[in-house]
Amino acid sequence: MGATLCTESITVEFGCQIRVELKDGSLESILKAFCKILPEILRDFIQ
């Protein structure tokens, strides 16, 4: 991950790999899993 400061904007390159196991492919299950990993992704992005 790196950040490049330009005169007009900031570009952030962010990569992550997360494995999520779902019991079914319903939208509800996907959203629940995403909500669980969102804080971790945000923390890593901010660091």
C-alpha atoms as a PDB file:
ATOM      1  CA  MET A   1       0.000   0.000   0.000  1.00  0.00           C
ATOM      2  CA  GLY A   2       1.322   3.453  -0.811  1.00  0.00           C
ATOM      3  CA  ALA A   3       0.152   7.015  -1.221  1.00  0.00           C
ATOM      4  CA  THR A   4       1.268   9.500  -3.823  1.00  0.00           C
ATOM      5  CA  LEU A   5       0.725  13.188  -3.186  1.00  0.00           C
ATOM      6  CA  CYS A   6      -0.064  15.113  -6.351  1.00  0.00           C
ATOM      7  CA  THR A   7      -0.788  18.784  -6.762  1.00  0.00           C
ATOM      8  CA  GLU A   8      -4.504  18.188  -7.345  1.00  0.00           C
ATOM      9  CA  SER A   9      -5.315  14.930  -5.568  1.00  0.00           C
ATOM     10  CA  ILE A  10      -4.083  12.038  -3.448  1.00  0.00           C
ATOM     11  CA  THR A  11      -3.854   8.566  -4.959  1.00  0.00           C
ATOM     12  CA  VAL A  12      -3.961   5.606  -2.574  1.00  0.00           C
ATOM     13  CA  GLU A  13      -3.057   2.123  -3.722  1.00  0.00           C
ATOM     14  CA  PHE A  14      -4.655  -0.449  -1.443  1.00  0.00           C
ATOM     15  CA  GLY A  15      -4.681  -4.197  -1.772  1.00  0.00           C
ATOM     16  CA  CYS A  16      -6.056  -6.852   0.505  1.00  0.00           C
ATOM     17  CA  GLN A  17      -6.975 -10.476   0.406  1.00  0.00           C
ATOM     18  CA  ILE A  18      -9.718 -11.797   2.643  1.00  0.00           C
ATOM     19  CA  ARG A  19     -11.322 -15.220   2.570  1.00  0.00           C
ATOM     20  CA  VAL A  20     -14.957 -15.421   3.637  1.00  0.00           C
ATOM     21  CA  GLU A  21     -16.853 -18.683   3.973  1.00  0.00           C
ATOM     22  CA  LEU A  22     -20.583 -18.389   3.402  1.00  0.00           C
ATOM     23  CA  LYS A  23     -23.129 -21.029   4.338  1.00  0.00           C
ATOM     24  CA  ASP A  24     -25.354 -19.929   1.473  1.00  0.00           C
ATOM     25  CA  GLY A  25     -25.298 -17.355  -1.288  1.00  0.00           C
ATOM     26  CA  SER A  26     -28.214 -15.257  -0.112  1.00  0.00           C
ATOM     27  CA  LEU A  27     -27.887 -11.496  -0.129  1.00  0.00           C
ATOM     28  CA  GLU A  28     -28.487 -11.475   3.637  1.00  0.00           C
ATOM     29  CA  SER A  29     -25.529 -13.808   4.264  1.00  0.00           C
ATOM     30  CA  ILE A  30     -23.279 -11.801   1.956  1.00  0.00           C
ATOM     31  CA  LEU A  31     -24.183  -8.510   3.657  1.00  0.00           C
ATOM     32  CA  LYS A  32     -23.660  -9.982   7.145  1.00  0.00           C
ATOM     33  CA  ALA A  33     -20.212 -11.273   6.162  1.00  0.00           C
ATOM     34  CA  PHE A  34     -19.296  -7.929   4.584  1.00  0.00           C
ATOM     35  CA  CYS A  35     -20.381  -6.026   7.704  1.00  0.00           C
ATOM     36  CA  LYS A  36     -18.156  -8.265   9.827  1.00  0.00           C
ATOM     37  CA  ILE A  37     -15.025  -7.646   7.729  1.00  0.00           C
ATOM     38  CA  LEU A  38     -15.648  -3.953   6.989  1.00  0.00           C
ATOM     39  CA  PRO A  39     -14.026  -2.678  10.238  1.00  0.00           C
ATOM     40  CA  GLU A  40     -10.881  -4.716   9.499  1.00  0.00           C
ATOM     41  CA  ILE A  41     -10.667  -3.398   5.944  1.00  0.00           C
ATOM     42  CA  LEU A  42     -11.168   0.182   7.132  1.00  0.00           C
ATOM     43  CA  ARG A  43      -8.514  -0.160   9.839  1.00  0.00           C
ATOM     44  CA  ASP A  44      -5.980  -1.545   7.352  1.00  0.00           C
ATOM     45  CA  PHE A  45      -6.825   1.189   4.824  1.00  0.00           C
ATOM     46  CA  ILE A  46      -6.308   3.956   7.387  1.00  0.00           C
ATOM     47  CA  GLN A  47      -2.992   2.544   8.580  1.00  0.00           C
END
